[in-house]
Protein backbone atom coordinates (compact mmCIF):
# COMPACT_ATOMS: atom_id res chain seq x y z
CA MET A 1 -5.65 -17.02 -13.57
CA ARG A 2 -3.10 -15.27 -11.38
CA ARG A 3 -4.45 -13.54 -8.32
CA GLU A 4 -2.44 -10.51 -7.28
CA ASN A 5 -2.35 -9.24 -3.74
CA TRP A 6 -2.02 -5.67 -2.57
CA TYR A 7 0.75 -5.14 -0.01
CA LEU A 8 0.39 -1.91 1.93
CA TYR A 9 3.53 -0.60 3.59
CA HIS A 10 4.34 2.42 5.67
CA PHE A 11 6.28 4.59 3.24
CA ASP A 12 9.27 6.73 4.23
CA PHE A 13 8.55 9.71 2.00
CA GLU A 14 11.52 11.72 3.32
CA ARG A 15 13.85 8.89 2.31
CA TYR A 16 12.15 8.76 -1.09
CA LEU A 17 12.83 12.49 -1.57
CA GLU A 18 16.51 11.86 -0.78
CA LEU A 19 16.68 9.04 -3.34
CA ARG A 20 14.84 10.89 -6.11
CA PRO A 21 17.85 12.66 -7.62
CA ILE A 22 19.85 9.43 -7.93
CA LEU A 23 16.97 7.28 -9.16
CA GLY A 24 15.58 9.93 -11.51
CA ARG A 25 18.91 10.55 -13.24
CA ALA A 26 19.99 6.92 -13.38
CA HIS A 27 20.77 6.04 -16.99
CA ASP A 28 22.94 2.96 -16.54
CA PRO A 29 23.58 0.33 -13.83
CA ALA A 30 26.56 2.21 -12.38
CA SER A 31 24.26 5.15 -11.59
CA LEU A 32 22.60 3.08 -8.85
CA GLU A 33 25.81 2.02 -7.11
CA PRO A 34 25.57 4.83 -4.49
CA LEU A 35 22.34 3.22 -3.22
CA VAL A 36 24.02 -0.07 -2.34
CA GLN A 37 24.10 -0.27 1.45
CA ASP A 38 23.19 -3.84 2.44
CA THR A 39 22.82 -7.33 1.02
CA GLU A 40 19.35 -6.65 -0.35
CA THR A 41 20.36 -3.55 -2.30
CA GLN A 42 23.58 -5.30 -3.35
CA THR A 43 21.50 -8.16 -4.78
CA ILE A 44 19.38 -5.70 -6.77
CA TYR A 45 22.51 -3.98 -8.06
CA ASP A 46 24.17 -7.30 -9.00
CA GLU A 47 21.06 -8.46 -10.87
CA LEU A 48 21.04 -5.17 -12.77
CA LEU A 49 24.72 -5.53 -13.69
CA GLU A 50 24.13 -9.12 -14.85
CA GLY A 51 21.19 -8.03 -16.98
CA SER A 52 18.71 -10.18 -15.02
CA ILE A 53 16.54 -7.10 -14.42
CA THR A 54 16.06 -3.83 -16.25
CA LEU A 55 16.90 -0.39 -14.92
CA ALA A 56 13.17 0.29 -14.50
CA VAL A 57 12.69 -2.84 -12.39
CA ALA A 58 15.81 -1.97 -10.36
CA ARG A 59 14.41 1.49 -9.61
CA HIS A 60 11.19 -0.04 -8.30
CA ALA A 61 13.11 -2.59 -6.26
CA MET A 62 15.30 0.12 -4.71
CA VAL A 63 12.25 2.23 -3.79
CA GLU A 64 10.53 -0.78 -2.26
CA THR A 65 13.63 -1.90 -0.37
CA LEU A 66 14.72 1.50 0.90
CA CYS A 67 11.38 3.25 1.48
CA CYS A 68 8.83 0.58 2.42
CA ILE A 69 8.99 0.04 6.16
CA GLY A 70 7.95 -2.84 8.37
CA GLU A 71 5.62 -5.71 7.73
CA PRO A 72 3.00 -5.14 5.05
CA LEU A 73 -0.72 -5.36 5.44
CA VAL A 74 -1.84 -7.84 2.75
CA PHE A 75 -5.17 -7.71 0.95
CA ALA A 76 -6.65 -9.60 -1.96
CA ARG A 77 -10.07 -8.63 -3.30
CA GLU A 78 -11.43 -7.31 -0.02
CA LEU A 79 -9.71 -3.93 -0.40
CA SER A 80 -11.51 -3.25 -3.69
CA ARG A 81 -14.77 -4.31 -2.08
CA LEU A 82 -14.14 -1.90 0.79
CA VAL A 83 -13.55 0.99 -1.63
CA SER A 84 -16.77 0.15 -3.44
CA HIS A 85 -18.65 -0.07 -0.13
CA LEU A 86 -17.28 3.27 1.12
CA SER A 87 -18.15 5.04 -2.14
CA LYS A 88 -21.85 4.28 -1.63
CA ILE A 89 -22.06 5.84 1.82
CA LYS A 90 -21.94 9.57 2.44
CA GLU A 91 -19.53 9.27 5.38
CA GLY A 92 -17.16 7.05 3.38
CA ILE A 93 -16.87 8.98 0.13
CA GLU A 94 -13.68 10.88 1.03
CA ALA A 95 -11.90 7.69 2.14
CA SER A 96 -13.06 5.88 -1.01
CA ILE A 97 -11.70 8.65 -3.24
CA ILE A 98 -8.26 8.57 -1.59
CA LEU A 99 -8.10 4.76 -1.65
CA SER A 100 -9.30 4.66 -5.27
CA GLU A 101 -6.54 7.05 -6.32
CA LEU A 102 -3.95 5.00 -4.44
CA LEU A 103 -5.10 1.73 -6.00
CA SER A 104 -5.47 3.14 -9.53
CA GLY A 105 -1.81 2.62 -10.37
CA GLY A 106 0.86 5.28 -10.72
CA TYR A 107 -0.46 7.58 -7.99
CA ASN A 108 2.29 10.03 -6.95
CA LEU A 109 4.91 8.08 -8.92
CA ASP A 110 7.54 10.15 -10.69
CA LYS A 111 7.71 9.65 -14.45
CA TRP A 112 10.85 7.52 -14.08
CA LEU A 113 8.77 5.01 -12.06
CA LEU A 114 6.10 4.77 -14.74
CA PRO A 115 4.51 2.57 -15.82
CA PRO A 116 3.76 1.18 -12.36
CA CYS A 117 5.51 -2.09 -11.71
CA LYS A 118 5.65 -3.64 -8.24
CA THR A 119 5.59 -0.23 -6.58
CA TYR A 120 2.08 0.60 -7.67
CA GLY A 121 1.67 4.00 -6.03
CA PHE A 122 1.89 5.80 -2.72
CA LEU A 123 0.31 8.42 -0.52
CA LYS A 124 2.39 11.30 0.78
CA PRO A 125 2.28 11.84 4.56
CA SER A 126 -0.29 14.65 4.27
CA GLN A 127 -2.54 12.41 2.16
CA THR A 128 -2.12 9.62 4.70
CA VAL A 129 -3.32 11.99 7.43
CA GLU A 130 -6.37 12.82 5.28
CA LEU A 131 -7.10 9.12 4.78
CA ALA A 132 -6.70 8.38 8.50
CA GLU A 133 -9.05 11.22 9.41
CA SER A 134 -11.65 10.15 6.84
CA LEU A 135 -11.55 6.50 7.96
CA LEU A 136 -11.92 7.51 11.61
CA TYR A 137 -14.79 9.84 10.70
CA TYR A 138 -16.51 7.03 8.81
CA LEU A 139 -16.09 4.62 11.73
CA LYS A 140 -17.38 7.18 14.20
CA LYS A 141 -20.48 7.94 12.12
CA ARG A 142 -21.20 4.36 11.10
CA LYS A 143 -20.50 2.64 14.40
CA ARG A 144 -22.63 -0.44 14.74
CA LYS A 145 -23.39 -2.56 17.72
CA PRO A 146 -21.57 -5.87 17.40
CA GLY A 147 -23.76 -8.88 16.76
CA HIS A 148 -24.17 -11.32 19.57
CA GLY A 149 -25.23 -14.83 20.29
CA ILE A 150 -25.12 -17.98 18.29
CA LEU A 151 -25.86 -16.33 14.91
CA ARG A 152 -22.74 -14.15 15.09
CA PHE A 153 -20.68 -17.21 16.07
CA LEU A 154 -22.07 -19.29 13.20
CA HIS A 155 -21.53 -16.45 10.74
CA ARG A 156 -17.83 -16.29 11.69
CA ILE A 157 -17.42 -20.05 11.33
CA LEU A 158 -19.10 -20.13 7.91
CA LEU A 159 -16.92 -17.30 6.63
CA GLY A 160 -13.85 -19.29 7.62
CA LEU A 161 -15.08 -22.51 6.04
CA THR A 162 -16.02 -20.98 2.70
CA ASP A 163 -12.82 -18.95 2.35
CA ALA A 164 -15.05 -15.94 1.74
CA PRO A 165 -13.40 -12.53 1.97
CA PRO A 166 -13.95 -10.82 5.31
CA PRO A 167 -16.77 -8.31 5.49
CA GLU A 168 -15.88 -4.67 4.94
CA ARG A 169 -16.07 -4.07 8.68
CA ASP A 170 -13.25 -6.56 9.29
CA THR A 171 -11.18 -5.03 6.50
CA LEU A 172 -11.61 -1.64 8.15
CA GLU A 173 -10.55 -3.09 11.51
CA HIS A 174 -7.19 -4.04 9.96
CA LEU A 175 -6.72 -1.08 7.63
CA THR A 176 -7.63 1.81 9.91
CA PRO A 177 -5.05 1.24 12.70
CA PHE A 178 -2.37 0.67 10.04
CA ILE A 179 -3.20 3.98 8.31
CA VAL A 180 -3.50 5.87 11.63
CA GLU A 181 -0.11 4.54 12.76
CA ALA A 182 1.50 5.66 9.49
CA ALA A 183 -0.04 9.12 9.84
CA GLU A 184 1.04 9.46 13.47
CA ASN A 185 4.63 8.57 12.53
CA GLY A 186 4.81 10.96 9.57
CA PHE A 187 4.86 8.20 6.94
CA GLY A 188 2.98 7.80 3.72
CA VAL A 189 1.48 4.52 2.56
CA ALA A 190 2.75 2.58 -0.45
CA VAL A 191 0.99 -0.11 -2.44
CA VAL A 192 3.12 -2.90 -3.81
CA ILE A 193 1.54 -5.63 -5.94
CA ALA A 194 2.73 -9.21 -6.14
């Protein structure tokens, strides 16, 4: 059974808007030639010309290469668990709705990027601001005192030994600063699966 990971990237939505006309009207490999600007995009273009990948896969690869910025935040099952956890708590419902839409596949993708492939969906900058605000609100309202003593220490060790997914609190500790940083810089957030 293959286990897919979710890769969250900061997403340059302005760049995406610039690329839309070229990508949306692309009907043959030559249509993507104007997007070739470095070795990575050249490789995508060459693979398309050779027939190694389809035009649909090339579109996704170009969006990922040209619009996904920086190092991704990688999640396995813990992101789905976080969404489920947030949906059960009044203060987390708004964040869970936004994250659910993002992870549902195809969110905000133009019809020429459907069905979702590697680029699974993205949030626009305004939606990223909403998500950041809702996560910060949740954290503010649900703030807990950290555990202390030997039990907290043993709990951390056992989680590491059993390869158990981190608790929702730890997932939030990684996700929230990433989302806030994207919002502060005017980026969206894209989900890429692999």
